[in-house]
């Protein structure tokens, strides 16, 4: 009988500590879930950035480069070429390139911002773990 009374005493003294640990665990689980969501978000931005780069390299850039070569070649091969048309065609080509670069810049910035947030969440996570480890007496 005395062994079982020792068991009940030790388990009741652990209950108080377990409640403290559960609160800590809940907070840690929440932080981990937040971090996991942040990482998933980061992966989505990264994927969008890669897709945009691939789209530009595979489709848009070659078309714009061909157009630009044609614009220049026509101007060089034509004795009395229409300079105004040349300027307008060049301008239109450069504008399209600018729009592509702006889109790429926007996606890159979104990825960069998300990366910084992820690093911040990770740092907060490490600080909380460090604090909770220091709080244990």
N, C-alpha and C. Protein backbone atom coordinates (compact mmCIF):
# COMPACT_ATOMS: atom_id res chain seq x y z
N UNK A 1 0.80 -1.20 0.00
CA UNK A 1 0.00 0.00 0.00
C UNK A 1 0.82 1.24 0.00
N UNK A 2 2.03 1.22 0.61
CA UNK A 2 2.79 2.47 0.71
C UNK A 2 3.36 2.90 -0.65
N UNK A 3 3.63 1.94 -1.52
CA UNK A 3 4.17 2.26 -2.85
C UNK A 3 3.15 3.05 -3.66
N UNK A 4 1.86 2.63 -3.55
CA UNK A 4 0.83 3.32 -4.33
C UNK A 4 0.60 4.73 -3.81
N UNK A 5 0.73 4.94 -2.50
CA UNK A 5 0.53 6.30 -1.97
C UNK A 5 1.66 7.22 -2.43
N UNK A 6 2.87 6.68 -2.59
CA UNK A 6 3.98 7.47 -3.13
C UNK A 6 3.71 7.86 -4.58
N UNK A 7 3.15 6.90 -5.33
CA UNK A 7 2.83 7.16 -6.73
C UNK A 7 1.84 8.30 -6.86
N UNK A 8 0.78 8.26 -6.00
CA UNK A 8 -0.24 9.30 -6.11
C UNK A 8 0.33 10.66 -5.71
N UNK A 9 1.22 10.70 -4.73
CA UNK A 9 1.81 11.98 -4.32
C UNK A 9 2.66 12.55 -5.45
N UNK A 10 3.47 11.69 -6.06
CA UNK A 10 4.35 12.20 -7.10
C UNK A 10 3.53 12.63 -8.32
N UNK A 11 2.44 11.91 -8.61
CA UNK A 11 1.64 12.29 -9.78
C UNK A 11 0.90 13.60 -9.51
N UNK A 12 0.44 13.83 -8.27
CA UNK A 12 -0.28 15.07 -7.99
C UNK A 12 0.68 16.26 -8.00
N UNK A 13 1.93 16.06 -7.60
CA UNK A 13 2.88 17.17 -7.64
C UNK A 13 3.28 17.47 -9.09
N UNK A 14 3.19 16.47 -9.95
CA UNK A 14 3.49 16.69 -11.37
C UNK A 14 2.36 17.41 -12.09
N UNK A 15 1.12 17.26 -11.58
CA UNK A 15 -0.03 17.87 -12.24
C UNK A 15 0.14 19.38 -12.37
N UNK A 16 0.56 20.02 -11.31
CA UNK A 16 0.76 21.47 -11.34
C UNK A 16 1.78 21.86 -12.39
N UNK A 17 2.84 21.10 -12.47
CA UNK A 17 3.89 21.39 -13.44
C UNK A 17 3.39 21.09 -14.86
N UNK A 18 2.60 20.01 -15.00
CA UNK A 18 2.09 19.66 -16.31
C UNK A 18 1.20 20.76 -16.87
N UNK A 19 0.39 21.38 -16.01
CA UNK A 19 -0.45 22.48 -16.48
C UNK A 19 0.41 23.61 -17.01
N UNK A 20 1.47 23.92 -16.32
CA UNK A 20 2.39 24.97 -16.76
C UNK A 20 3.01 24.57 -18.10
N UNK A 21 3.43 23.32 -18.20
CA UNK A 21 4.03 22.83 -19.44
C UNK A 21 3.01 22.85 -20.58
N UNK A 22 1.76 22.50 -20.29
CA UNK A 22 0.73 22.49 -21.32
C UNK A 22 0.53 23.89 -21.88
N UNK A 23 0.48 24.90 -21.00
CA UNK A 23 0.34 26.28 -21.47
C UNK A 23 1.51 26.64 -22.36
N UNK A 24 2.69 26.27 -21.92
CA UNK A 24 3.91 26.52 -22.68
C UNK A 24 3.87 25.79 -24.02
N UNK A 25 3.42 24.51 -23.96
CA UNK A 25 3.33 23.70 -25.17
C UNK A 25 2.32 24.30 -26.15
N UNK A 26 1.17 24.75 -25.62
CA UNK A 26 0.16 25.37 -26.48
C UNK A 26 0.74 26.59 -27.18
N UNK A 27 1.44 27.40 -26.40
CA UNK A 27 2.04 28.61 -26.96
C UNK A 27 3.09 28.24 -28.00
N UNK A 28 3.86 27.22 -27.69
CA UNK A 28 4.90 26.76 -28.61
C UNK A 28 4.27 26.16 -29.87
N UNK A 29 3.19 25.37 -29.69
CA UNK A 29 2.49 24.79 -30.84
C UNK A 29 1.94 25.89 -31.74
N UNK A 30 1.39 26.93 -31.11
CA UNK A 30 0.84 28.06 -31.86
C UNK A 30 1.95 28.76 -32.64
N UNK A 31 3.09 28.97 -31.98
CA UNK A 31 4.23 29.62 -32.62
C UNK A 31 4.76 28.76 -33.77
N UNK A 32 4.81 27.45 -33.54
CA UNK A 32 5.27 26.55 -34.60
C UNK A 32 4.31 26.55 -35.78
N UNK A 33 3.01 26.57 -35.49
CA UNK A 33 2.00 26.62 -36.55
C UNK A 33 2.15 27.92 -37.35
N UNK A 34 2.37 29.01 -36.63
CA UNK A 34 2.57 30.31 -37.27
C UNK A 34 3.81 30.28 -38.16
N UNK A 35 4.86 29.68 -37.64
CA UNK A 35 6.12 29.56 -38.39
C UNK A 35 5.92 28.69 -39.63
N UNK A 36 5.20 27.58 -39.46
CA UNK A 36 4.94 26.67 -40.58
C UNK A 36 4.14 27.38 -41.67
N UNK A 37 3.15 28.18 -41.25
CA UNK A 37 2.35 28.95 -42.20
C UNK A 37 3.23 29.96 -42.94
N UNK A 38 4.14 30.57 -42.20
CA UNK A 38 5.06 31.55 -42.78
C UNK A 38 5.96 30.89 -43.83
N UNK A 39 6.46 29.71 -43.51
CA UNK A 39 7.33 28.97 -44.44
C UNK A 39 6.54 28.59 -45.69
N UNK A 40 5.30 28.15 -45.50
CA UNK A 40 4.45 27.78 -46.64
C UNK A 40 4.20 29.00 -47.53
N UNK A 41 3.93 30.13 -46.89
CA UNK A 41 3.72 31.39 -47.59
C UNK A 41 4.97 31.75 -48.40
N UNK A 42 6.12 31.58 -47.78
CA UNK A 42 7.40 31.87 -48.42
C UNK A 42 7.58 30.99 -49.66
N UNK A 43 7.23 29.72 -49.53
CA UNK A 43 7.36 28.79 -50.65
C UNK A 43 6.44 29.19 -51.81
N UNK A 44 5.24 29.71 -51.48
CA UNK A 44 4.31 30.16 -52.52
C UNK A 44 4.90 31.35 -53.28
N UNK A 45 5.46 32.30 -52.54
CA UNK A 45 6.09 33.46 -53.18
C UNK A 45 7.28 33.03 -54.03
N UNK A 46 8.05 32.10 -53.51
CA UNK A 46 9.22 31.61 -54.23
C UNK A 46 8.79 30.95 -55.54
N UNK A 47 7.74 30.13 -55.46
CA UNK A 47 7.21 29.44 -56.64
C UNK A 47 6.73 30.45 -57.68
N UNK A 48 6.01 31.48 -57.23
CA UNK A 48 5.52 32.52 -58.14
C UNK A 48 6.68 33.25 -58.81
N UNK A 49 7.73 33.51 -58.04
CA UNK A 49 8.92 34.18 -58.58
C UNK A 49 9.58 33.30 -59.64
N UNK A 50 9.77 32.02 -59.34
CA UNK A 50 10.37 31.09 -60.30
C UNK A 50 9.52 31.00 -61.57
N UNK A 51 8.19 30.88 -61.39
CA UNK A 51 7.29 30.79 -62.54
C UNK A 51 7.39 32.03 -63.42
N UNK A 52 7.43 33.20 -62.79
CA UNK A 52 7.54 34.45 -63.54
C UNK A 52 8.85 34.50 -64.31
N UNK A 53 9.95 34.14 -63.66
CA UNK A 53 11.26 34.12 -64.33
C UNK A 53 11.23 33.17 -65.53
N UNK A 54 10.68 31.99 -65.32
CA UNK A 54 10.62 30.99 -66.38
C UNK A 54 9.78 31.49 -67.55
N UNK A 55 8.64 32.10 -67.23
CA UNK A 55 7.74 32.66 -68.26
C UNK A 55 8.47 33.73 -69.07
N UNK A 56 9.20 34.59 -68.39
CA UNK A 56 9.94 35.66 -69.06
C UNK A 56 11.03 35.08 -69.95
N UNK A 57 11.83 34.18 -69.40
CA UNK A 57 12.95 33.61 -70.14
C UNK A 57 12.50 32.76 -71.32
N UNK A 58 11.42 32.01 -71.12
CA UNK A 58 10.97 31.08 -72.15
C UNK A 58 10.12 31.74 -73.23
N UNK A 59 9.25 32.68 -72.83
CA UNK A 59 8.29 33.21 -73.79
C UNK A 59 8.48 34.70 -74.10
N UNK A 60 8.43 35.53 -73.09
CA UNK A 60 8.39 36.97 -73.33
C UNK A 60 9.70 37.54 -73.86
N UNK A 61 10.80 37.22 -73.21
CA UNK A 61 12.10 37.79 -73.58
C UNK A 61 12.50 37.44 -75.02
N UNK A 62 12.39 36.18 -75.45
CA UNK A 62 12.76 35.87 -76.84
C UNK A 62 11.92 36.63 -77.87
N UNK A 63 10.63 36.79 -77.59
CA UNK A 63 9.75 37.53 -78.51
C UNK A 63 10.18 38.98 -78.59
N UNK A 64 10.41 39.60 -77.43
CA UNK A 64 10.81 41.01 -77.41
C UNK A 64 12.18 41.21 -78.07
N UNK A 65 13.07 40.27 -77.88
CA UNK A 65 14.40 40.35 -78.50
C UNK A 65 14.29 40.24 -80.01
N UNK A 66 13.46 39.30 -80.49
CA UNK A 66 13.24 39.17 -81.94
C UNK A 66 12.64 40.45 -82.51
N UNK A 67 11.64 40.99 -81.80
CA UNK A 67 11.01 42.24 -82.25
C UNK A 67 12.04 43.36 -82.35
N UNK A 68 12.88 43.47 -81.33
CA UNK A 68 13.88 44.53 -81.29
C UNK A 68 14.89 44.36 -82.43
N UNK A 69 15.32 43.13 -82.68
CA UNK A 69 16.24 42.87 -83.81
C UNK A 69 15.60 43.28 -85.13
N UNK A 70 14.32 42.95 -85.28
CA UNK A 70 13.60 43.29 -86.51
C UNK A 70 13.50 44.80 -86.67
N UNK A 71 13.16 45.50 -85.59
CA UNK A 71 13.05 46.97 -85.62
C UNK A 71 14.38 47.58 -86.07
N UNK A 72 15.47 47.12 -85.47
CA UNK A 72 16.80 47.66 -85.78
C UNK A 72 17.21 47.30 -87.21
N UNK A 73 16.99 46.04 -87.58
CA UNK A 73 17.38 45.58 -88.92
C UNK A 73 16.63 46.35 -90.00
N UNK A 74 15.32 46.54 -89.81
CA UNK A 74 14.53 47.29 -90.80
C UNK A 74 15.07 48.71 -90.95
N UNK A 75 15.42 49.33 -89.83
CA UNK A 75 15.95 50.70 -89.88
C UNK A 75 17.31 50.72 -90.59
N UNK A 76 18.16 49.74 -90.30
CA UNK A 76 19.49 49.70 -90.90
C UNK A 76 19.44 49.33 -92.39
N UNK A 77 18.51 48.46 -92.76
CA UNK A 77 18.44 47.97 -94.14
C UNK A 77 17.66 48.91 -95.07
N UNK A 78 16.92 49.83 -94.50
CA UNK A 78 16.11 50.74 -95.32
C UNK A 78 16.84 52.07 -95.42
N UNK A 79 17.08 52.49 -96.68
CA UNK A 79 17.84 53.72 -96.90
C UNK A 79 17.15 54.92 -96.27
N UNK A 80 15.89 55.10 -96.58
CA UNK A 80 15.17 56.26 -96.06
C UNK A 80 14.07 55.77 -95.11
N UNK A 81 14.49 55.18 -93.98
CA UNK A 81 13.52 54.57 -93.06
C UNK A 81 12.74 55.65 -92.31
N UNK A 82 11.57 55.26 -91.82
CA UNK A 82 10.70 56.16 -91.05
C UNK A 82 11.25 56.25 -89.63
N UNK A 83 11.96 57.32 -89.35
CA UNK A 83 12.61 57.49 -88.04
C UNK A 83 11.59 57.58 -86.91
N UNK A 84 10.47 58.20 -87.19
CA UNK A 84 9.44 58.33 -86.15
C UNK A 84 8.85 56.96 -85.79
N UNK A 85 8.60 56.14 -86.82
CA UNK A 85 8.11 54.78 -86.58
C UNK A 85 9.15 53.99 -85.80
N UNK A 86 10.43 54.15 -86.17
CA UNK A 86 11.53 53.48 -85.47
C UNK A 86 11.51 53.84 -83.98
N UNK A 87 11.42 55.13 -83.69
CA UNK A 87 11.40 55.61 -82.30
C UNK A 87 10.20 55.02 -81.56
N UNK A 88 9.03 55.07 -82.19
CA UNK A 88 7.81 54.56 -81.54
C UNK A 88 7.88 53.04 -81.31
N UNK A 89 8.40 52.31 -82.30
CA UNK A 89 8.53 50.85 -82.16
C UNK A 89 9.52 50.49 -81.05
N UNK A 90 10.65 51.22 -81.03
CA UNK A 90 11.65 51.00 -79.97
C UNK A 90 11.04 51.29 -78.61
N UNK A 91 10.34 52.42 -78.54
CA UNK A 91 9.72 52.84 -77.28
C UNK A 91 8.73 51.79 -76.79
N UNK A 92 7.90 51.27 -77.69
CA UNK A 92 6.90 50.25 -77.34
C UNK A 92 7.60 48.98 -76.83
N UNK A 93 8.68 48.58 -77.50
CA UNK A 93 9.43 47.39 -77.09
C UNK A 93 10.04 47.59 -75.70
N UNK A 94 10.63 48.74 -75.49
CA UNK A 94 11.25 49.04 -74.19
C UNK A 94 10.20 49.13 -73.08
N UNK A 95 9.03 49.67 -73.41
CA UNK A 95 7.95 49.76 -72.43
C UNK A 95 7.50 48.36 -71.99
N UNK A 96 7.37 47.47 -72.96
CA UNK A 96 6.98 46.08 -72.63
C UNK A 96 8.04 45.43 -71.75
N UNK A 97 9.31 45.67 -72.08
CA UNK A 97 10.41 45.13 -71.25
C UNK A 97 10.34 45.71 -69.84
N UNK A 98 10.07 47.01 -69.76
CA UNK A 98 9.98 47.69 -68.46
C UNK A 98 8.85 47.08 -67.62
N UNK A 99 7.71 46.81 -68.26
CA UNK A 99 6.57 46.22 -67.54
C UNK A 99 6.93 44.83 -67.02
N UNK A 100 7.64 44.06 -67.83
CA UNK A 100 8.07 42.72 -67.41
C UNK A 100 9.01 42.83 -66.22
N UNK A 101 9.97 43.75 -66.31
CA UNK A 101 10.93 43.93 -65.22
C UNK A 101 10.23 44.43 -63.95
N UNK A 102 9.23 45.31 -64.12
CA UNK A 102 8.47 45.79 -62.96
C UNK A 102 7.72 44.64 -62.27
N UNK A 103 7.11 43.78 -63.08
CA UNK A 103 6.40 42.62 -62.52
C UNK A 103 7.38 41.71 -61.77
N UNK A 104 8.53 41.49 -62.38
CA UNK A 104 9.55 40.65 -61.75
C UNK A 104 10.05 41.30 -60.46
N UNK A 105 10.26 42.61 -60.50
CA UNK A 105 10.71 43.35 -59.31
C UNK A 105 9.67 43.24 -58.19
N UNK A 106 8.39 43.35 -58.52
CA UNK A 106 7.31 43.25 -57.54
C UNK A 106 7.30 41.87 -56.89
N UNK A 107 7.43 40.83 -57.71
CA UNK A 107 7.44 39.46 -57.18
C UNK A 107 8.68 39.23 -56.31
N UNK A 108 9.81 39.77 -56.74
CA UNK A 108 11.05 39.62 -55.98
C UNK A 108 10.92 40.33 -54.63
N UNK A 109 10.32 41.52 -54.64
CA UNK A 109 10.14 42.28 -53.39
C UNK A 109 9.20 41.54 -52.44
N UNK A 110 8.12 40.97 -52.98
CA UNK A 110 7.17 40.21 -52.15
C UNK A 110 7.88 39.01 -51.51
N UNK A 111 8.71 38.33 -52.30
CA UNK A 111 9.47 37.19 -51.78
C UNK A 111 10.44 37.65 -50.70
N UNK A 112 11.13 38.75 -50.96
CA UNK A 112 12.09 39.30 -50.00
C UNK A 112 11.41 39.71 -48.70
N UNK A 113 10.26 40.38 -48.80
CA UNK A 113 9.51 40.79 -47.60
C UNK A 113 9.08 39.57 -46.79
N UNK A 114 8.58 38.56 -47.49
CA UNK A 114 8.13 37.33 -46.82
C UNK A 114 9.31 36.63 -46.16
N UNK A 115 10.46 36.65 -46.81
CA UNK A 115 11.67 36.05 -46.26
C UNK A 115 12.07 36.75 -44.96
N UNK A 116 12.00 38.08 -44.96
CA UNK A 116 12.33 38.84 -43.75
C UNK A 116 11.36 38.53 -42.63
N UNK A 117 10.07 38.42 -42.95
CA UNK A 117 9.05 38.08 -41.94
C UNK A 117 9.34 36.70 -41.36
N UNK A 118 9.67 35.77 -42.24
CA UNK A 118 9.96 34.40 -41.80
C UNK A 118 11.16 34.40 -40.86
N UNK A 119 12.19 35.17 -41.20
CA UNK A 119 13.38 35.25 -40.35
C UNK A 119 13.04 35.88 -39.00
N UNK A 120 12.15 36.88 -39.03
CA UNK A 120 11.73 37.55 -37.79
C UNK A 120 10.95 36.58 -36.90
N UNK A 121 10.03 35.83 -37.49
CA UNK A 121 9.25 34.84 -36.74
C UNK A 121 10.19 33.78 -36.15
N UNK A 122 11.18 33.36 -36.93
CA UNK A 122 12.14 32.36 -36.45
C UNK A 122 12.95 32.92 -35.28
N UNK A 123 13.35 34.18 -35.38
CA UNK A 123 14.12 34.81 -34.30
C UNK A 123 13.28 34.93 -33.03
N UNK A 124 12.00 35.33 -33.19
CA UNK A 124 11.09 35.42 -32.04
C UNK A 124 10.92 34.05 -31.40
N UNK A 125 10.81 33.04 -32.25
CA UNK A 125 10.67 31.65 -31.79
C UNK A 125 11.88 31.25 -30.94
N UNK A 126 13.07 31.56 -31.45
CA UNK A 126 14.30 31.24 -30.71
C UNK A 126 14.36 31.99 -29.38
N UNK A 127 13.97 33.28 -29.40
CA UNK A 127 13.97 34.08 -28.17
C UNK A 127 13.00 33.51 -27.13
N UNK A 128 11.80 33.12 -27.59
CA UNK A 128 10.80 32.54 -26.67
C UNK A 128 11.33 31.24 -26.07
N UNK A 129 11.94 30.41 -26.90
CA UNK A 129 12.49 29.14 -26.41
C UNK A 129 13.59 29.43 -25.40
N UNK A 130 14.42 30.41 -25.70
CA UNK A 130 15.53 30.77 -24.80
C UNK A 130 14.97 31.28 -23.47
N UNK A 131 13.92 32.13 -23.55
CA UNK A 131 13.30 32.68 -22.33
C UNK A 131 12.64 31.57 -21.52
N UNK A 132 11.91 30.67 -22.19
CA UNK A 132 11.22 29.61 -21.44
C UNK A 132 12.24 28.66 -20.82
N UNK A 133 13.37 28.47 -21.47
CA UNK A 133 14.43 27.64 -20.88
C UNK A 133 15.05 28.33 -19.68
N UNK A 134 15.17 29.67 -19.72
CA UNK A 134 15.74 30.40 -18.58
C UNK A 134 14.76 30.47 -17.41
N UNK A 135 13.45 30.38 -17.71
CA UNK A 135 12.43 30.48 -16.66
C UNK A 135 12.32 29.21 -15.83
N UNK A 136 12.86 28.11 -16.32
CA UNK A 136 12.78 26.85 -15.57
C UNK A 136 13.80 26.92 -14.43
N UNK A 137 13.32 26.70 -13.19
CA UNK A 137 14.21 26.83 -12.02
C UNK A 137 14.82 25.51 -11.67
